[in-house]
Amino acid sequence: MPITMIRDFCAQYDRDHGIMHVHFLPYSSSWDDEEFPGVIIRRAMSDERITGVRIIGYSRKSRDFLAAALPWLDIDALPSDSA
């Protein structure tokens, strides 16, 4: 199955807690699943579409790890942890 890159998102880095919050869709009831260590995928309750991602320990995650864990997300478009 081909991967569709997600480039239209809102990302916010919580420097105090080291968490990158990424939102793709307007808020909807969602459930979370930690598919990779520190990478929590949010899925819509209604149809399981991915609605967002939380990356815990963002500044300690390598770009290679994130690209492998989230191949459908444009990792290079995420803000820097020092921004």
C-alpha atoms as a PDB file:
ATOM      1  CA  MET A   1       0.000   0.000   0.000  1.00  0.00           C
ATOM      2  CA  PRO A   2       1.465   3.390  -0.943  1.00  0.00           C
ATOM      3  CA  ILE A   3       2.136   5.861   1.846  1.00  0.00           C
ATOM      4  CA  THR A   4       0.479   9.275   1.645  1.00  0.00           C
ATOM      5  CA  MET A   5       2.655  11.936   3.256  1.00  0.00           C
ATOM      6  CA  ILE A   6       0.916  14.229   5.724  1.00  0.00           C
ATOM      7  CA  ARG A   7       2.196  17.761   5.276  1.00  0.00           C
ATOM      8  CA  ASP A   8      -0.774  19.789   6.487  1.00  0.00           C
ATOM      9  CA  PHE A   9      -0.597  19.802  10.259  1.00  0.00           C
ATOM     10  CA  CYS A  10      -0.233  21.968  13.319  1.00  0.00           C
ATOM     11  CA  ALA A  11       2.744  21.191  15.576  1.00  0.00           C
ATOM     12  CA  GLN A  12       3.545  22.634  18.964  1.00  0.00           C
ATOM     13  CA  TYR A  13       6.582  21.805  21.106  1.00  0.00           C
ATOM     14  CA  ASP A  14       6.135  21.810  24.880  1.00  0.00           C
ATOM     15  CA  ARG A  15       9.712  22.534  25.929  1.00  0.00           C
ATOM     16  CA  ASP A  16       8.931  22.244  29.658  1.00  0.00           C
ATOM     17  CA  HIS A  17       7.844  18.621  29.250  1.00  0.00           C
ATOM     18  CA  GLY A  18       9.791  17.674  26.091  1.00  0.00           C
ATOM     19  CA  ILE A  19       6.667  16.708  24.141  1.00  0.00           C
ATOM     20  CA  MET A  20       5.915  17.486  20.506  1.00  0.00           C
ATOM     21  CA  HIS A  21       2.175  17.690  19.853  1.00  0.00           C
ATOM     22  CA  VAL A  22       1.116  17.222  16.209  1.00  0.00           C
ATOM     23  CA  HIS A  23      -2.531  17.674  15.153  1.00  0.00           C
ATOM     24  CA  PHE A  24      -3.904  16.739  11.723  1.00  0.00           C
ATOM     25  CA  LEU A  25      -7.649  17.145  12.086  1.00  0.00           C
ATOM     26  CA  PRO A  26      -9.940  19.315  14.156  1.00  0.00           C
ATOM     27  CA  TYR A  27     -10.576  17.863  17.596  1.00  0.00           C
ATOM     28  CA  SER A  28     -12.552  14.665  17.632  1.00  0.00           C
ATOM     29  CA  SER A  29     -12.956  11.904  20.162  1.00  0.00           C
ATOM     30  CA  SER A  30      -9.766   9.897  19.873  1.00  0.00           C
ATOM     31  CA  TRP A  31      -7.927   7.055  21.519  1.00  0.00           C
ATOM     32  CA  ASP A  32      -4.149   6.771  21.955  1.00  0.00           C
ATOM     33  CA  ASP A  33      -1.771   3.943  21.175  1.00  0.00           C
ATOM     34  CA  GLU A  34       1.971   3.934  21.876  1.00  0.00           C
ATOM     35  CA  GLU A  35       3.116   2.177  18.704  1.00  0.00           C
ATOM     36  CA  PHE A  36       6.802   2.939  19.272  1.00  0.00           C
ATOM     37  CA  PRO A  37       8.569   3.941  22.512  1.00  0.00           C
ATOM     38  CA  GLY A  38       7.548   7.528  23.228  1.00  0.00           C
ATOM     39  CA  VAL A  39       5.497   7.851  20.022  1.00  0.00           C
ATOM     40  CA  ILE A  40       1.786   8.006  20.744  1.00  0.00           C
ATOM     41  CA  ILE A  41      -0.592   7.859  17.795  1.00  0.00           C
ATOM     42  CA  ARG A  42      -4.054   9.404  18.239  1.00  0.00           C
ATOM     43  CA  ARG A  43      -6.862   7.769  16.234  1.00  0.00           C
ATOM     44  CA  ALA A  44     -10.453   8.888  15.740  1.00  0.00           C
ATOM     45  CA  MET A  45     -12.969   6.771  17.636  1.00  0.00           C
ATOM     46  CA  SER A  46     -15.365   6.889  14.679  1.00  0.00           C
ATOM     47  CA  ASP A  47     -13.146   5.547  11.891  1.00  0.00           C
ATOM     48  CA  GLU A  48      -9.596   5.107  13.280  1.00  0.00           C
ATOM     49  CA  ARG A  49      -8.116   7.843  11.078  1.00  0.00           C
ATOM     50  CA  ILE A  50      -4.928   9.246  12.547  1.00  0.00           C
ATOM     51  CA  THR A  51      -5.813  12.573  14.166  1.00  0.00           C
ATOM     52  CA  GLY A  52      -2.478  13.383  15.749  1.00  0.00           C
ATOM     53  CA  VAL A  53       0.768  12.286  17.337  1.00  0.00           C
ATOM     54  CA  ARG A  54       2.518  13.004  20.614  1.00  0.00           C
ATOM     55  CA  ILE A  55       6.273  12.457  20.699  1.00  0.00           C
ATOM     56  CA  ILE A  56       7.556  12.173  24.256  1.00  0.00           C
ATOM     57  CA  GLY A  57      11.224  13.033  24.702  1.00  0.00           C
ATOM     58  CA  TYR A  58      11.211  14.722  21.297  1.00  0.00           C
ATOM     59  CA  SER A  59      14.647  16.331  21.679  1.00  0.00           C
ATOM     60  CA  ARG A  60      16.185  12.909  22.367  1.00  0.00           C
ATOM     61  CA  LYS A  61      14.634  11.189  19.329  1.00  0.00           C
ATOM     62  CA  SER A  62      16.745  11.003  16.187  1.00  0.00           C
ATOM     63  CA  ARG A  63      15.317  12.083  12.841  1.00  0.00           C
ATOM     64  CA  ASP A  64      16.027   8.561  11.558  1.00  0.00           C
ATOM     65  CA  PHE A  65      13.978   7.015  14.379  1.00  0.00           C
ATOM     66  CA  LEU A  66      11.091   9.414  13.767  1.00  0.00           C
ATOM     67  CA  ALA A  67      11.166   8.852   9.998  1.00  0.00           C
ATOM     68  CA  ALA A  68      11.017   5.074  10.546  1.00  0.00           C
ATOM     69  CA  ALA A  69       8.262   5.307  13.188  1.00  0.00           C
ATOM     70  CA  LEU A  70       6.192   7.887  11.261  1.00  0.00           C
ATOM     71  CA  PRO A  71       6.913   7.345   7.535  1.00  0.00           C
ATOM     72  CA  TRP A  72       3.717   9.202   6.571  1.00  0.00           C
ATOM     73  CA  LEU A  73       4.696  12.398   8.450  1.00  0.00           C
ATOM     74  CA  ASP A  74       6.933  15.084   6.943  1.00  0.00           C
ATOM     75  CA  ILE A  75       9.482  14.997   9.784  1.00  0.00           C
ATOM     76  CA  ASP A  76      11.535  17.828   8.287  1.00  0.00           C
ATOM     77  CA  ALA A  77       8.543  20.158   8.655  1.00  0.00           C
ATOM     78  CA  LEU A  78       8.394  19.703  12.450  1.00  0.00           C
ATOM     79  CA  PRO A  79       9.692  22.640  14.466  1.00  0.00           C
ATOM     80  CA  SER A  80      13.066  22.410  16.134  1.00  0.00           C
ATOM     81  CA  ASP A  81      13.135  21.581  19.825  1.00  0.00           C
ATOM     82  CA  SER A  82      15.196  24.739  20.341  1.00  0.00           C
ATOM     83  CA  ALA A  83      12.719  27.051  18.601  1.00  0.00           C
END
